[in-house]
C-alpha atoms as a PDB file:
ATOM      1  CA  MET A   1     258.025 199.981  84.814  1.00  0.00           C
ATOM      2  CA  GLU A   2     257.854 203.725  85.231  1.00  0.00           C
ATOM      3  CA  LEU A   3     258.044 205.925  82.164  1.00  0.00           C
ATOM      4  CA  ALA A   4     261.219 207.779  83.233  1.00  0.00           C
ATOM      5  CA  LEU A   5     263.104 204.483  83.660  1.00  0.00           C
ATOM      6  CA  ARG A   6     261.808 203.261  80.293  1.00  0.00           C
ATOM      7  CA  GLU A   7     263.020 206.414  78.589  1.00  0.00           C
ATOM      8  CA  TYR A   8     266.387 206.198  80.378  1.00  0.00           C
ATOM      9  CA  PHE A   9     266.779 202.579  79.274  1.00  0.00           C
ATOM     10  CA  ASP A  10     265.739 203.290  75.700  1.00  0.00           C
ATOM     11  CA  ARG A  11     268.167 206.210  75.430  1.00  0.00           C
ATOM     12  CA  HIS A  12     271.036 203.920  76.496  1.00  0.00           C
ATOM     13  CA  LEU A  13     269.809 201.174  74.159  1.00  0.00           C
ATOM     14  CA  GLU A  14     270.059 203.624  71.239  1.00  0.00           C
ATOM     15  CA  PHE A  15     273.578 204.546  72.404  1.00  0.00           C
ATOM     16  CA  VAL A  16     274.601 200.867  72.412  1.00  0.00           C
ATOM     17  CA  LEU A  17     272.964 200.101  69.056  1.00  0.00           C
ATOM     18  CA  ALA A  18     274.833 202.957  67.402  1.00  0.00           C
ATOM     19  CA  ARG A  19     278.153 201.588  68.654  1.00  0.00           C
ATOM     20  CA  LEU A  20     277.775 197.893  67.879  1.00  0.00           C
ATOM     21  CA  PRO A  21     280.146 196.378  65.339  1.00  0.00           C
ATOM     22  CA  VAL A  22     278.951 196.805  61.762  1.00  0.00           C
ATOM     23  CA  ALA A  23     278.253 193.065  61.366  1.00  0.00           C
ATOM     24  CA  ALA A  24     276.038 193.065  64.484  1.00  0.00           C
ATOM     25  CA  ARG A  25     274.100 196.139  63.286  1.00  0.00           C
ATOM     26  CA  GLU A  26     273.622 194.518  59.885  1.00  0.00           C
ATOM     27  CA  ALA A  27     272.319 191.318  61.500  1.00  0.00           C
ATOM     28  CA  LEU A  28     269.927 193.312  63.696  1.00  0.00           C
ATOM     29  CA  GLY A  29     268.710 195.116  60.590  1.00  0.00           C
ATOM     30  CA  LYS A  30     267.471 191.798  59.200  1.00  0.00           C
ATOM     31  CA  ILE A  31     265.478 190.616  62.225  1.00  0.00           C
ATOM     32  CA  SER A  32     262.859 192.088  64.547  1.00  0.00           C
ATOM     33  CA  LEU A  33     263.961 193.585  67.839  1.00  0.00           C
ATOM     34  CA  TYR A  34     261.343 194.065  70.551  1.00  0.00           C
ATOM     35  CA  VAL A  35     261.915 195.748  73.882  1.00  0.00           C
ATOM     36  CA  ASP A  36     259.472 194.786  76.629  1.00  0.00           C
ATOM     37  CA  ASP A  37     259.371 195.632  80.310  1.00  0.00           C
ATOM     38  CA  HIS A  38     259.382 191.939  81.235  1.00  0.00           C
ATOM     39  CA  PRO A  39     258.497 188.510  79.853  1.00  0.00           C
ATOM     40  CA  ASP A  40     254.812 187.626  79.931  1.00  0.00           C
ATOM     41  CA  ALA A  41     253.427 185.123  82.439  1.00  0.00           C
ATOM     42  CA  GLU A  42     253.099 182.338  79.852  1.00  0.00           C
ATOM     43  CA  LEU A  43     256.766 182.605  78.862  1.00  0.00           C
ATOM     44  CA  MET A  44     257.842 182.658  82.498  1.00  0.00           C
ATOM     45  CA  VAL A  45     255.983 179.401  83.101  1.00  0.00           C
ATOM     46  CA  GLU A  46     257.359 177.864  79.893  1.00  0.00           C
ATOM     47  CA  LEU A  47     260.949 178.740  80.874  1.00  0.00           C
ATOM     48  CA  GLY A  48     260.506 177.955  84.566  1.00  0.00           C
ATOM     49  CA  LEU A  49     261.311 181.498  85.670  1.00  0.00           C
ATOM     50  CA  ARG A  50     260.403 182.681  89.152  1.00  0.00           C
ATOM     51  CA  HIS A  51     260.827 186.436  88.679  1.00  0.00           C
ATOM     52  CA  PRO A  52     260.364 188.688  85.636  1.00  0.00           C
ATOM     53  CA  SER A  53     263.855 190.066  86.214  1.00  0.00           C
ATOM     54  CA  ASP A  54     265.390 186.592  85.715  1.00  0.00           C
ATOM     55  CA  LEU A  55     265.472 187.030  81.932  1.00  0.00           C
ATOM     56  CA  CYS A  56     267.385 189.730  80.023  1.00  0.00           C
ATOM     57  CA  GLY A  57     266.692 188.611  76.481  1.00  0.00           C
ATOM     58  CA  LEU A  58     265.332 185.881  74.249  1.00  0.00           C
ATOM     59  CA  TYR A  59     265.974 184.823  70.661  1.00  0.00           C
ATOM     60  CA  THR A  60     263.209 182.984  68.833  1.00  0.00           C
ATOM     61  CA  GLY A  61     263.508 181.618  65.349  1.00  0.00           C
ATOM     62  CA  THR A  62     265.601 179.124  63.445  1.00  0.00           C
ATOM     63  CA  PRO A  63     269.361 179.574  63.893  1.00  0.00           C
ATOM     64  CA  LEU A  64     271.187 180.207  60.614  1.00  0.00           C
ATOM     65  CA  PRO A  65     273.111 176.884  60.637  1.00  0.00           C
ATOM     66  CA  ALA A  66     269.856 174.929  61.037  1.00  0.00           C
ATOM     67  CA  ARG A  67     268.064 176.497  58.072  1.00  0.00           C
ATOM     68  CA  SER A  68     267.310 174.733  54.853  1.00  0.00           C
ATOM     69  CA  VAL A  69     265.309 175.306  51.714  1.00  0.00           C
ATOM     70  CA  ASP A  70     262.572 173.230  53.369  1.00  0.00           C
ATOM     71  CA  GLY A  71     262.120 175.946  56.008  1.00  0.00           C
ATOM     72  CA  PHE A  72     259.791 178.043  53.870  1.00  0.00           C
ATOM     73  CA  GLY A  73     256.943 179.469  55.949  1.00  0.00           C
ATOM     74  CA  GLU A  74     258.721 179.363  59.320  1.00  0.00           C
ATOM     75  CA  LEU A  75     258.237 182.235  61.714  1.00  0.00           C
ATOM     76  CA  SER A  76     260.711 185.077  61.367  1.00  0.00           C
ATOM     77  CA  ASP A  77     263.586 185.649  63.778  1.00  0.00           C
ATOM     78  CA  VAL A  78     262.936 187.879  66.775  1.00  0.00           C
ATOM     79  CA  ILE A  79     265.081 189.167  69.608  1.00  0.00           C
ATOM     80  CA  HIS A  80     263.301 190.312  72.744  1.00  0.00           C
ATOM     81  CA  LEU A  81     265.072 192.502  75.277  1.00  0.00           C
ATOM     82  CA  TYR A  82     263.524 192.651  78.731  1.00  0.00           C
ATOM     83  CA  ARG A  83     264.138 195.906  80.553  1.00  0.00           C
ATOM     84  CA  SER A  84     263.465 194.515  84.038  1.00  0.00           C
ATOM     85  CA  GLY A  85     266.088 191.774  83.680  1.00  0.00           C
ATOM     86  CA  ILE A  86     268.713 194.035  82.147  1.00  0.00           C
ATOM     87  CA  VAL A  87     268.123 196.744  84.749  1.00  0.00           C
ATOM     88  CA  ALA A  88     268.298 194.215  87.615  1.00  0.00           C
ATOM     89  CA  ALA A  89     271.559 192.781  86.246  1.00  0.00           C
ATOM     90  CA  SER A  90     272.997 196.302  85.941  1.00  0.00           C
ATOM     91  CA  MET A  91     272.280 197.670  89.418  1.00  0.00           C
ATOM     92  CA  ASP A  92     275.030 198.027  91.965  1.00  0.00           C
ATOM     93  CA  ARG A  93     274.840 196.643  95.518  1.00  0.00           C
ATOM     94  CA  ASN A  94     272.992 199.750  96.671  1.00  0.00           C
ATOM     95  CA  GLY A  95     270.313 199.392  93.994  1.00  0.00           C
ATOM     96  CA  LYS A  96     271.674 202.300  91.969  1.00  0.00           C
ATOM     97  CA  LEU A  97     271.576 202.202  88.196  1.00  0.00           C
ATOM     98  CA  ASN A  98     274.563 203.729  86.428  1.00  0.00           C
ATOM     99  CA  PRO A  99     274.887 204.194  82.665  1.00  0.00           C
ATOM    100  CA  PHE A 100     278.068 202.179  82.106  1.00  0.00           C
ATOM    101  CA  PRO A 101     276.885 198.884  83.644  1.00  0.00           C
ATOM    102  CA  LEU A 102     273.510 199.367  81.931  1.00  0.00           C
ATOM    103  CA  ARG A 103     275.108 199.863  78.520  1.00  0.00           C
ATOM    104  CA  ARG A 104     277.407 196.895  79.125  1.00  0.00           C
ATOM    105  CA  GLN A 105     274.477 194.621  79.994  1.00  0.00           C
ATOM    106  CA  ILE A 106     272.425 195.796  77.015  1.00  0.00           C
ATOM    107  CA  ARG A 107     275.394 195.095  74.731  1.00  0.00           C
ATOM    108  CA  ILE A 108     276.061 191.685  76.255  1.00  0.00           C
ATOM    109  CA  THR A 109     272.388 190.731  75.944  1.00  0.00           C
ATOM    110  CA  LEU A 110     272.130 191.855  72.330  1.00  0.00           C
ATOM    111  CA  LEU A 111     275.308 190.018  71.321  1.00  0.00           C
ATOM    112  CA  HIS A 112     274.228 186.939  73.290  1.00  0.00           C
ATOM    113  CA  GLU A 113     270.922 186.748  71.438  1.00  0.00           C
ATOM    114  CA  LEU A 114     272.640 187.383  68.097  1.00  0.00           C
ATOM    115  CA  GLY A 115     274.918 184.480  69.002  1.00  0.00           C
ATOM    116  CA  HIS A 116     271.860 182.233  69.215  1.00  0.00           C
ATOM    117  CA  LEU A 117     270.835 183.439  65.740  1.00  0.00           C
ATOM    118  CA  HIS A 118     274.203 182.165  64.535  1.00  0.00           C
ATOM    119  CA  GLY A 119     273.697 178.818  66.256  1.00  0.00           C
ATOM    120  CA  PHE A 120     275.826 179.271  69.384  1.00  0.00           C
ATOM    121  CA  SER A 121     274.750 177.318  72.451  1.00  0.00           C
ATOM    122  CA  GLU A 122     274.394 178.817  75.940  1.00  0.00           C
ATOM    123  CA  GLY A 123     277.659 177.132  76.948  1.00  0.00           C
ATOM    124  CA  LYS A 124     279.560 178.530  73.972  1.00  0.00           C
ATOM    125  CA  LEU A 125     278.184 182.035  74.574  1.00  0.00           C
ATOM    126  CA  GLU A 126     279.100 181.887  78.256  1.00  0.00           C
ATOM    127  CA  SER A 127     282.637 180.780  77.381  1.00  0.00           C
ATOM    128  CA  LEU A 128     282.880 183.837  75.098  1.00  0.00           C
ATOM    129  CA  GLY A 129     281.699 186.154  77.880  1.00  0.00           C
ATOM    130  CA  TYR A 130     278.139 186.594  76.657  1.00  0.00           C
END
């Protein structure tokens, strides 16, 4: 992904992060957030993805409702955002990228992945609009 597009994306990500609800910002402050251009080849195979732009984000870890005192030593929670997927989902029919759809998709992806942290299923998140 070209540097100018990366910088454009990251600028809008910072805009979105600053405007998330306090509870969402607090939750993000307790877990790692990585921003990558696209998922790696191994993850694409594991998830059965055909194109790098098919994935906007990914939560890995143990959802809060599934944790117990026996979970000591588990890997920490991580949210990955994938620029290529978010950008592809944000483009208009003419392939133009505008700031408002980009910010909307970044926000939806962040809140979707935070929903997984809280134990929400894909179906539940979709019914909530995420």
